[in-house]
């Protein structure tokens, strides 16, 4: 009888290990996207403080990162939005790497990603309907956080199946 309990326990441990291993690919993808988001946000932060014009981001009259990055909407309580992006993506990176083995990580990762996506969608609305111009860096960040949110949703759903 004691042997059966040990066998069941080891099967459960193996099943949990397999599911955790299966999520490694999702966590890796989230980590890579978070690093990309940090890079895009860092470039945007640099452009926020730059005094010269950005040439790589000017594509016609409807795409201009300088207008967006230097507008009144580019800071929140004196903190550049791009700086918030660097920190936010850093938090997502930490969840996907350092804290990925914790049981509460899937829900925290999803909540953080949804918060970031909501903020990015608000800023995209400002770009399109208030400023009337688009920022390629900002749209790239929107795509990145959308991807992270989808992957975080998958990780959370798989965690629900597991236990």
N, C-alpha and C. Protein backbone atom coordinates (compact mmCIF):
# COMPACT_ATOMS: atom_id res chain seq x y z
N UNK A 1 0.82 -1.18 0.00
CA UNK A 1 0.00 0.00 0.00
C UNK A 1 0.87 1.25 0.00
N UNK A 2 1.88 1.24 0.77
CA UNK A 2 2.78 2.39 0.84
C UNK A 2 3.46 2.62 -0.51
N UNK A 3 3.81 1.54 -1.19
CA UNK A 3 4.44 1.64 -2.50
C UNK A 3 3.51 2.31 -3.51
N UNK A 4 2.21 1.99 -3.46
CA UNK A 4 1.22 2.57 -4.37
C UNK A 4 1.11 4.08 -4.16
N UNK A 5 1.16 4.51 -2.93
CA UNK A 5 1.08 5.95 -2.65
C UNK A 5 2.31 6.65 -3.23
N UNK A 6 3.45 6.06 -3.08
CA UNK A 6 4.68 6.63 -3.63
C UNK A 6 4.59 6.68 -5.15
N UNK A 7 4.08 5.63 -5.76
CA UNK A 7 3.96 5.59 -7.21
C UNK A 7 3.00 6.65 -7.72
N UNK A 8 1.86 6.81 -7.02
CA UNK A 8 0.89 7.84 -7.44
C UNK A 8 1.53 9.22 -7.29
N UNK A 9 2.19 9.44 -6.17
CA UNK A 9 2.84 10.73 -5.94
C UNK A 9 3.88 11.03 -7.00
N UNK A 10 4.64 10.03 -7.40
CA UNK A 10 5.67 10.27 -8.40
C UNK A 10 5.04 10.51 -9.78
N UNK A 11 3.89 9.85 -10.08
CA UNK A 11 3.20 10.10 -11.34
C UNK A 11 2.68 11.54 -11.39
N UNK A 12 2.13 12.00 -10.27
CA UNK A 12 1.65 13.39 -10.21
C UNK A 12 2.81 14.35 -10.38
N UNK A 13 3.92 14.06 -9.75
CA UNK A 13 5.10 14.92 -9.87
C UNK A 13 5.59 14.95 -11.31
N UNK A 14 5.60 13.77 -11.97
CA UNK A 14 6.00 13.71 -13.38
C UNK A 14 5.04 14.49 -14.27
N UNK A 15 3.73 14.36 -14.01
CA UNK A 15 2.74 15.08 -14.81
C UNK A 15 2.91 16.59 -14.64
N UNK A 16 3.13 17.03 -13.41
CA UNK A 16 3.35 18.45 -13.16
C UNK A 16 4.63 18.91 -13.84
N UNK A 17 5.67 18.08 -13.77
CA UNK A 17 6.94 18.41 -14.41
C UNK A 17 6.79 18.51 -15.92
N UNK A 18 6.01 17.58 -16.51
CA UNK A 18 5.79 17.61 -17.96
C UNK A 18 5.05 18.88 -18.36
N UNK A 19 4.00 19.24 -17.61
CA UNK A 19 3.25 20.46 -17.94
C UNK A 19 4.13 21.70 -17.77
N UNK A 20 4.95 21.70 -16.74
CA UNK A 20 5.85 22.83 -16.52
C UNK A 20 6.86 22.91 -17.66
N UNK A 21 7.36 21.76 -18.09
CA UNK A 21 8.29 21.70 -19.21
C UNK A 21 7.63 22.20 -20.48
N UNK A 22 6.38 21.79 -20.70
CA UNK A 22 5.65 22.24 -21.89
C UNK A 22 5.48 23.75 -21.90
N UNK A 23 5.35 24.37 -20.73
CA UNK A 23 5.21 25.82 -20.65
C UNK A 23 6.53 26.56 -20.86
N UNK A 24 7.63 25.84 -20.82
CA UNK A 24 8.93 26.49 -21.01
C UNK A 24 8.99 27.25 -22.32
N UNK A 25 8.47 26.66 -23.37
CA UNK A 25 8.48 27.33 -24.67
C UNK A 25 7.67 28.62 -24.65
N UNK A 26 6.53 28.59 -23.95
CA UNK A 26 5.71 29.80 -23.83
C UNK A 26 6.43 30.86 -23.01
N UNK A 27 7.03 30.43 -21.90
CA UNK A 27 7.78 31.38 -21.08
C UNK A 27 8.99 31.94 -21.84
N UNK A 28 9.64 31.11 -22.62
CA UNK A 28 10.77 31.58 -23.42
C UNK A 28 10.31 32.61 -24.44
N UNK A 29 9.20 32.34 -25.11
CA UNK A 29 8.67 33.29 -26.09
C UNK A 29 8.28 34.61 -25.41
N UNK A 30 7.68 34.53 -24.23
CA UNK A 30 7.33 35.75 -23.49
C UNK A 30 8.59 36.51 -23.11
N UNK A 31 9.63 35.80 -22.68
CA UNK A 31 10.89 36.45 -22.30
C UNK A 31 11.53 37.16 -23.50
N UNK A 32 11.52 36.50 -24.64
CA UNK A 32 12.09 37.11 -25.85
C UNK A 32 11.29 38.35 -26.25
N UNK A 33 9.97 38.24 -26.22
CA UNK A 33 9.13 39.40 -26.55
C UNK A 33 9.32 40.53 -25.53
N UNK A 34 9.47 40.18 -24.26
CA UNK A 34 9.70 41.20 -23.23
C UNK A 34 11.03 41.92 -23.47
N UNK A 35 12.06 41.19 -23.86
CA UNK A 35 13.35 41.83 -24.20
C UNK A 35 13.19 42.75 -25.40
N UNK A 36 12.43 42.30 -26.40
CA UNK A 36 12.18 43.15 -27.57
C UNK A 36 11.40 44.40 -27.15
N UNK A 37 10.43 44.23 -26.27
CA UNK A 37 9.67 45.37 -25.77
C UNK A 37 10.54 46.35 -25.00
N UNK A 38 11.46 45.82 -24.21
CA UNK A 38 12.39 46.70 -23.49
C UNK A 38 13.25 47.49 -24.47
N UNK A 39 13.70 46.83 -25.52
CA UNK A 39 14.54 47.50 -26.52
C UNK A 39 13.76 48.60 -27.25
N UNK A 40 12.55 48.29 -27.68
CA UNK A 40 11.71 49.28 -28.37
C UNK A 40 11.41 50.45 -27.44
N UNK A 41 11.08 50.15 -26.20
CA UNK A 41 10.79 51.21 -25.23
C UNK A 41 12.02 52.05 -24.92
N UNK A 42 13.18 51.42 -24.87
CA UNK A 42 14.42 52.16 -24.62
C UNK A 42 14.73 53.12 -25.76
N UNK A 43 14.53 52.67 -26.99
CA UNK A 43 14.74 53.57 -28.15
C UNK A 43 13.73 54.71 -28.09
N UNK A 44 12.49 54.39 -27.76
CA UNK A 44 11.46 55.42 -27.64
C UNK A 44 11.79 56.41 -26.52
N UNK A 45 12.33 55.92 -25.42
CA UNK A 45 12.74 56.78 -24.31
C UNK A 45 13.88 57.70 -24.74
N UNK A 46 14.82 57.15 -25.48
CA UNK A 46 15.93 57.97 -25.98
C UNK A 46 15.38 59.06 -26.90
N UNK A 47 14.42 58.72 -27.75
CA UNK A 47 13.83 59.70 -28.67
C UNK A 47 12.99 60.73 -27.91
N UNK A 48 12.46 60.35 -26.76
CA UNK A 48 11.68 61.29 -25.93
C UNK A 48 12.56 62.46 -25.49
N UNK A 49 13.81 62.16 -25.13
CA UNK A 49 14.72 63.19 -24.64
C UNK A 49 15.59 63.80 -25.74
N UNK A 50 15.62 63.22 -26.92
CA UNK A 50 16.48 63.71 -28.00
C UNK A 50 16.01 65.07 -28.49
N UNK A 51 16.97 65.84 -28.92
CA UNK A 51 16.65 67.16 -29.46
C UNK A 51 16.59 67.15 -30.98
N UNK A 52 17.21 66.15 -31.60
CA UNK A 52 17.23 66.07 -33.06
C UNK A 52 16.02 65.29 -33.56
N UNK A 53 15.72 65.45 -34.83
CA UNK A 53 14.59 64.75 -35.45
C UNK A 53 14.95 63.29 -35.72
N UNK A 54 13.94 62.45 -35.69
CA UNK A 54 14.11 61.04 -35.99
C UNK A 54 13.81 60.83 -37.46
N UNK A 55 14.76 60.29 -38.21
CA UNK A 55 14.51 60.08 -39.63
C UNK A 55 13.96 58.70 -39.92
N UNK A 56 14.35 57.68 -39.13
CA UNK A 56 13.90 56.31 -39.41
C UNK A 56 12.41 56.14 -39.12
N UNK A 57 11.85 57.04 -38.37
CA UNK A 57 10.46 56.89 -37.94
C UNK A 57 9.50 57.79 -38.71
N UNK A 58 10.01 58.60 -39.58
CA UNK A 58 9.15 59.46 -40.39
C UNK A 58 8.83 58.78 -41.71
N UNK A 59 7.59 58.35 -41.85
CA UNK A 59 7.14 57.68 -43.06
C UNK A 59 5.88 58.41 -43.50
N UNK A 60 6.06 59.45 -44.28
CA UNK A 60 4.90 60.24 -44.70
C UNK A 60 4.43 61.14 -43.59
N UNK A 61 3.29 61.77 -43.82
CA UNK A 61 2.80 62.74 -42.84
C UNK A 61 2.00 62.10 -41.71
N UNK A 62 1.61 60.86 -41.85
CA UNK A 62 0.81 60.19 -40.81
C UNK A 62 1.64 59.36 -39.83
N UNK A 63 2.93 59.21 -40.07
CA UNK A 63 3.80 58.46 -39.18
C UNK A 63 4.96 59.35 -38.76
N UNK A 64 5.00 59.70 -37.47
CA UNK A 64 6.07 60.54 -36.95
C UNK A 64 6.22 60.29 -35.46
N UNK A 65 7.27 59.58 -35.10
CA UNK A 65 7.51 59.24 -33.69
C UNK A 65 7.82 60.47 -32.85
N UNK A 66 8.46 61.47 -33.45
CA UNK A 66 8.82 62.67 -32.69
C UNK A 66 7.59 63.40 -32.18
N UNK A 67 6.57 63.51 -33.00
CA UNK A 67 5.34 64.18 -32.57
C UNK A 67 4.73 63.43 -31.39
N UNK A 68 4.68 62.12 -31.49
CA UNK A 68 4.09 61.31 -30.43
C UNK A 68 4.97 61.32 -29.18
N UNK A 69 6.28 61.08 -29.33
CA UNK A 69 7.19 60.97 -28.20
C UNK A 69 7.45 62.28 -27.48
N UNK A 70 7.10 63.38 -28.08
CA UNK A 70 7.32 64.68 -27.43
C UNK A 70 6.03 65.42 -27.17
N UNK A 71 4.91 64.74 -27.32
CA UNK A 71 3.62 65.36 -27.08
C UNK A 71 3.34 65.44 -25.58
N UNK A 72 2.27 66.12 -25.22
CA UNK A 72 1.89 66.21 -23.81
C UNK A 72 1.45 64.86 -23.25
N UNK A 73 1.13 63.92 -24.13
CA UNK A 73 0.69 62.59 -23.71
C UNK A 73 1.85 61.61 -23.54
N UNK A 74 3.07 62.06 -23.78
CA UNK A 74 4.23 61.16 -23.70
C UNK A 74 4.76 60.99 -22.29
N UNK A 75 4.16 61.69 -21.33
CA UNK A 75 4.55 61.56 -19.92
C UNK A 75 3.31 61.40 -19.07
N UNK A 76 3.47 60.66 -18.00
CA UNK A 76 2.40 60.45 -17.04
C UNK A 76 2.93 60.87 -15.68
N UNK A 77 2.41 61.95 -15.15
CA UNK A 77 2.88 62.53 -13.89
C UNK A 77 4.38 62.79 -13.93
N UNK A 78 4.86 63.27 -15.05
CA UNK A 78 6.27 63.59 -15.21
C UNK A 78 7.17 62.42 -15.58
N UNK A 79 6.61 61.22 -15.64
CA UNK A 79 7.40 60.03 -15.99
C UNK A 79 7.14 59.70 -17.45
N UNK A 80 8.19 59.62 -18.27
CA UNK A 80 7.97 59.28 -19.68
C UNK A 80 7.29 57.92 -19.83
N UNK A 81 6.30 57.86 -20.69
CA UNK A 81 5.56 56.62 -20.95
C UNK A 81 6.52 55.52 -21.41
N UNK A 82 7.52 55.90 -22.19
CA UNK A 82 8.49 54.90 -22.66
C UNK A 82 9.28 54.31 -21.48
N UNK A 83 9.56 55.10 -20.46
CA UNK A 83 10.23 54.59 -19.27
C UNK A 83 9.34 53.60 -18.52
N UNK A 84 8.04 53.91 -18.47
CA UNK A 84 7.08 52.98 -17.88
C UNK A 84 7.10 51.67 -18.66
N UNK A 85 7.24 51.78 -19.98
CA UNK A 85 7.31 50.59 -20.84
C UNK A 85 8.53 49.74 -20.53
N UNK A 86 9.68 50.38 -20.36
CA UNK A 86 10.91 49.63 -20.03
C UNK A 86 10.72 48.85 -18.73
N UNK A 87 10.18 49.52 -17.72
CA UNK A 87 9.97 48.87 -16.42
C UNK A 87 8.91 47.77 -16.53
N UNK A 88 7.82 48.06 -17.24
CA UNK A 88 6.75 47.07 -17.39
C UNK A 88 7.22 45.81 -18.10
N UNK A 89 7.96 45.99 -19.18
CA UNK A 89 8.50 44.82 -19.88
C UNK A 89 9.52 44.09 -19.01
N UNK A 90 10.24 44.82 -18.17
CA UNK A 90 11.18 44.18 -17.24
C UNK A 90 10.45 43.30 -16.23
N UNK A 91 9.30 43.77 -15.76
CA UNK A 91 8.48 42.97 -14.83
C UNK A 91 8.00 41.69 -15.53
N UNK A 92 7.52 41.83 -16.77
CA UNK A 92 7.07 40.66 -17.53
C UNK A 92 8.22 39.69 -17.76
N UNK A 93 9.41 40.22 -18.03
CA UNK A 93 10.59 39.37 -18.20
C UNK A 93 10.89 38.60 -16.91
N UNK A 94 10.80 39.29 -15.78
CA UNK A 94 11.05 38.63 -14.49
C UNK A 94 10.05 37.51 -14.24
N UNK A 95 8.77 37.77 -14.52
CA UNK A 95 7.76 36.72 -14.35
C UNK A 95 8.05 35.51 -15.23
N UNK A 96 8.50 35.76 -16.46
CA UNK A 96 8.72 34.67 -17.41
C UNK A 96 10.02 33.91 -17.16
N UNK A 97 10.90 34.45 -16.34
CA UNK A 97 12.19 33.80 -16.11
C UNK A 97 12.39 33.47 -14.64
N UNK A 98 12.62 34.45 -13.83
CA UNK A 98 12.96 34.25 -12.41
C UNK A 98 11.82 33.61 -11.63
N UNK A 99 10.59 34.08 -11.86
CA UNK A 99 9.45 33.64 -11.05
C UNK A 99 8.56 32.61 -11.75
N UNK A 100 9.00 32.04 -12.84
CA UNK A 100 8.12 31.16 -13.62
C UNK A 100 7.72 29.89 -12.89
N UNK A 101 8.48 29.44 -11.93
CA UNK A 101 8.14 28.19 -11.24
C UNK A 101 7.14 28.39 -10.10
N UNK A 102 6.81 29.61 -9.78
CA UNK A 102 5.85 29.86 -8.70
C UNK A 102 4.43 29.61 -9.20
N UNK A 103 3.60 29.08 -8.33
CA UNK A 103 2.23 28.73 -8.74
C UNK A 103 1.39 29.96 -9.06
N UNK A 104 1.68 31.10 -8.47
CA UNK A 104 0.89 32.31 -8.71
C UNK A 104 1.36 33.09 -9.95
N UNK A 105 2.45 32.68 -10.55
CA UNK A 105 3.00 33.41 -11.69
C UNK A 105 2.06 33.50 -12.89
N UNK A 106 1.38 32.42 -13.31
CA UNK A 106 0.51 32.56 -14.48
C UNK A 106 -0.54 33.66 -14.35
N UNK A 107 -1.19 33.75 -13.20
CA UNK A 107 -2.22 34.78 -13.03
C UNK A 107 -1.59 36.18 -12.95
N UNK A 108 -0.47 36.30 -12.28
CA UNK A 108 0.21 37.60 -12.18
C UNK A 108 0.74 38.04 -13.54
N UNK A 109 1.28 37.11 -14.29
CA UNK A 109 1.77 37.40 -15.63
C UNK A 109 0.64 37.88 -16.53
N UNK A 110 -0.49 37.18 -16.48
CA UNK A 110 -1.63 37.56 -17.29
C UNK A 110 -2.18 38.93 -16.88
N UNK A 111 -2.28 39.19 -15.60
CA UNK A 111 -2.79 40.49 -15.12
C UNK A 111 -1.86 41.63 -15.54
N UNK A 112 -0.56 41.42 -15.41
CA UNK A 112 0.40 42.44 -15.82
C UNK A 112 0.33 42.68 -17.33
N UNK A 113 0.22 41.61 -18.10
CA UNK A 113 0.14 41.74 -19.56
C UNK A 113 -1.15 42.45 -19.96
N UNK A 114 -2.27 42.10 -19.32
CA UNK A 114 -3.54 42.78 -19.63
C UNK A 114 -3.48 44.26 -19.27
N UNK A 115 -2.83 44.59 -18.17
CA UNK A 115 -2.66 46.00 -17.80
C UNK A 115 -1.83 46.73 -18.84
N UNK A 116 -0.74 46.11 -19.28
CA UNK A 116 0.10 46.72 -20.30
C UNK A 116 -0.63 46.87 -21.62
N UNK A 117 -1.42 45.87 -21.99
CA UNK A 117 -2.18 45.93 -23.23
C UNK A 117 -3.24 47.04 -23.17
N UNK A 118 -3.91 47.14 -22.05
CA UNK A 118 -4.90 48.21 -21.88
C UNK A 118 -4.28 49.59 -22.01
N UNK A 119 -3.12 49.78 -21.38
CA UNK A 119 -2.42 51.06 -21.45
C UNK A 119 -1.96 51.34 -22.88
N UNK A 120 -1.45 50.32 -23.56
CA UNK A 120 -0.99 50.49 -24.95
C UNK A 120 -2.16 50.82 -25.87
N UNK A 121 -3.31 50.19 -25.64
CA UNK A 121 -4.49 50.51 -26.47
C UNK A 121 -4.97 51.94 -26.23
N UNK A 122 -4.92 52.40 -24.99
CA UNK A 122 -5.26 53.79 -24.68
C UNK A 122 -4.31 54.75 -25.42
N UNK A 123 -3.02 54.46 -25.35
CA UNK A 123 -2.05 55.32 -26.02
C UNK A 123 -2.22 55.28 -27.55
N UNK A 124 -2.59 54.14 -28.08
CA UNK A 124 -2.84 54.03 -29.52
C UNK A 124 -4.05 54.86 -29.91
N UNK A 125 -5.06 54.86 -29.07
CA UNK A 125 -6.23 55.72 -29.30
C UNK A 125 -5.80 57.20 -29.35
N UNK A 126 -4.95 57.59 -28.40
CA UNK A 126 -4.45 58.98 -28.37
C UNK A 126 -3.71 59.30 -29.67
N UNK A 127 -2.87 58.38 -30.11
CA UNK A 127 -2.14 58.60 -31.37
C UNK A 127 -3.10 58.84 -32.53
N UNK A 128 -4.04 57.95 -32.70
CA UNK A 128 -4.90 57.99 -33.87
C UNK A 128 -5.97 59.06 -33.85
N UNK A 129 -6.57 59.32 -32.68
CA UNK A 129 -7.73 60.19 -32.64
C UNK A 129 -7.49 61.54 -31.99
N UNK A 130 -6.39 61.70 -31.26
CA UNK A 130 -6.09 63.00 -30.65
C UNK A 130 -4.93 63.67 -31.38
N UNK A 131 -3.83 62.95 -31.53
CA UNK A 131 -2.65 63.52 -32.19
C UNK A 131 -2.75 63.44 -33.71
N UNK A 132 -3.45 62.45 -34.20
CA UNK A 132 -3.62 62.30 -35.65
C UNK A 132 -2.37 61.82 -36.37
N UNK A 133 -1.45 61.23 -35.64
CA UNK A 133 -0.25 60.67 -36.26
C UNK A 133 0.14 59.40 -35.50
N UNK A 134 0.84 58.52 -36.16
CA UNK A 134 1.19 57.22 -35.61
C UNK A 134 2.69 57.14 -35.36
N UNK A 135 3.06 56.38 -34.36
CA UNK A 135 4.46 56.14 -34.02
C UNK A 135 4.76 54.67 -34.28
N UNK A 136 5.71 54.41 -35.16
CA UNK A 136 6.07 53.03 -35.50
C UNK A 136 6.58 52.28 -34.26
N UNK A 137 7.35 52.96 -33.43
CA UNK A 137 7.86 52.33 -32.21
C UNK A 137 6.69 51.95 -31.29
N UNK A 138 5.72 52.83 -31.17
CA UNK A 138 4.56 52.57 -30.30
C UNK A 138 3.71 51.43 -30.84
N UNK A 139 3.51 51.41 -32.15
CA UNK A 139 2.74 50.32 -32.75
C UNK A 139 3.47 48.99 -32.62
N UNK A 140 4.80 49.04 -32.68
CA UNK A 140 5.60 47.82 -32.46
C UNK A 140 5.42 47.34 -31.03
N UNK A 141 5.43 48.27 -30.09
CA UNK A 141 5.23 47.91 -28.69
C UNK A 141 3.83 47.33 -28.47
N UNK A 142 2.84 47.89 -29.14
CA UNK A 142 1.48 47.36 -29.05
C UNK A 142 1.43 45.91 -29.54
N UNK A 143 2.08 45.64 -30.65
CA UNK A 143 2.10 44.26 -31.18
C UNK A 143 2.81 43.32 -30.21
N UNK A 144 3.89 43.80 -29.60
CA UNK A 144 4.65 42.97 -28.66
C UNK A 144 3.81 42.65 -27.43
N UNK A 145 3.17 43.66 -26.84
CA UNK A 145 2.38 43.41 -25.62
C UNK A 145 1.14 42.57 -25.95
N UNK A 146 0.60 42.72 -27.14
CA UNK A 146 -0.53 41.86 -27.54
C UNK A 146 -0.08 40.40 -27.63
N UNK A 147 1.09 40.17 -28.20
CA UNK A 147 1.63 38.82 -28.27
C UNK A 147 1.89 38.23 -26.89
N UNK A 148 2.46 39.03 -26.01
CA UNK A 148 2.73 38.58 -24.64
C UNK A 148 1.42 38.24 -23.94
N UNK A 149 0.39 39.06 -24.15
CA UNK A 149 -0.90 38.82 -23.50
C UNK A 149 -1.52 37.51 -23.96
N UNK A 150 -1.45 37.24 -25.25
CA UNK A 150 -1.98 35.97 -25.77
C UNK A 150 -1.21 34.80 -25.16
N UNK A 151 0.11 34.87 -25.16
CA UNK A 151 0.91 33.79 -24.60
C UNK A 151 0.67 33.63 -23.10
N UNK A 152 0.52 34.74 -22.38
CA UNK A 152 0.23 34.67 -20.94
C UNK A 152 -1.13 34.03 -20.71
N UNK A 153 -2.09 34.29 -21.59
CA UNK A 153 -3.39 33.65 -21.50
C UNK A 153 -3.29 32.14 -21.69
N UNK A 154 -2.45 31.72 -22.61
CA UNK A 154 -2.23 30.29 -22.84
C UNK A 154 -1.59 29.65 -21.60
N UNK A 155 -0.59 30.31 -21.04
CA UNK A 155 0.08 29.79 -19.84
C UNK A 155 -0.92 29.67 -18.70
N UNK A 156 -1.77 30.67 -18.53
CA UNK A 156 -2.78 30.65 -17.46
C UNK A 156 -3.78 29.53 -17.69
N UNK A 157 -4.25 29.37 -18.92
CA UNK A 157 -5.19 28.30 -19.24
C UNK A 157 -4.58 26.93 -18.98
N UNK A 158 -3.34 26.75 -19.34
CA UNK A 158 -2.66 25.47 -19.09
C UNK A 158 -2.47 25.25 -17.60
N UNK A 159 -2.25 26.30 -16.83
CA UNK A 159 -2.11 26.17 -15.38
C UNK A 159 -3.45 25.75 -14.77
N UNK A 160 -4.55 26.26 -15.32
CA UNK A 160 -5.88 25.86 -14.84
C UNK A 160 -6.14 24.39 -15.10
N UNK A 161 -5.71 23.88 -16.25
CA UNK A 161 -5.88 22.47 -16.57
C UNK A 161 -5.09 21.58 -15.63
N UNK A 162 -3.95 22.09 -15.24
CA UNK A 162 -3.03 21.32 -14.40
C UNK A 162 -3.56 21.19 -12.98
N UNK A 163 -4.22 22.22 -12.48
CA UNK A 163 -4.58 22.05 -11.11
C UNK A 163 -5.60 22.97 -10.63
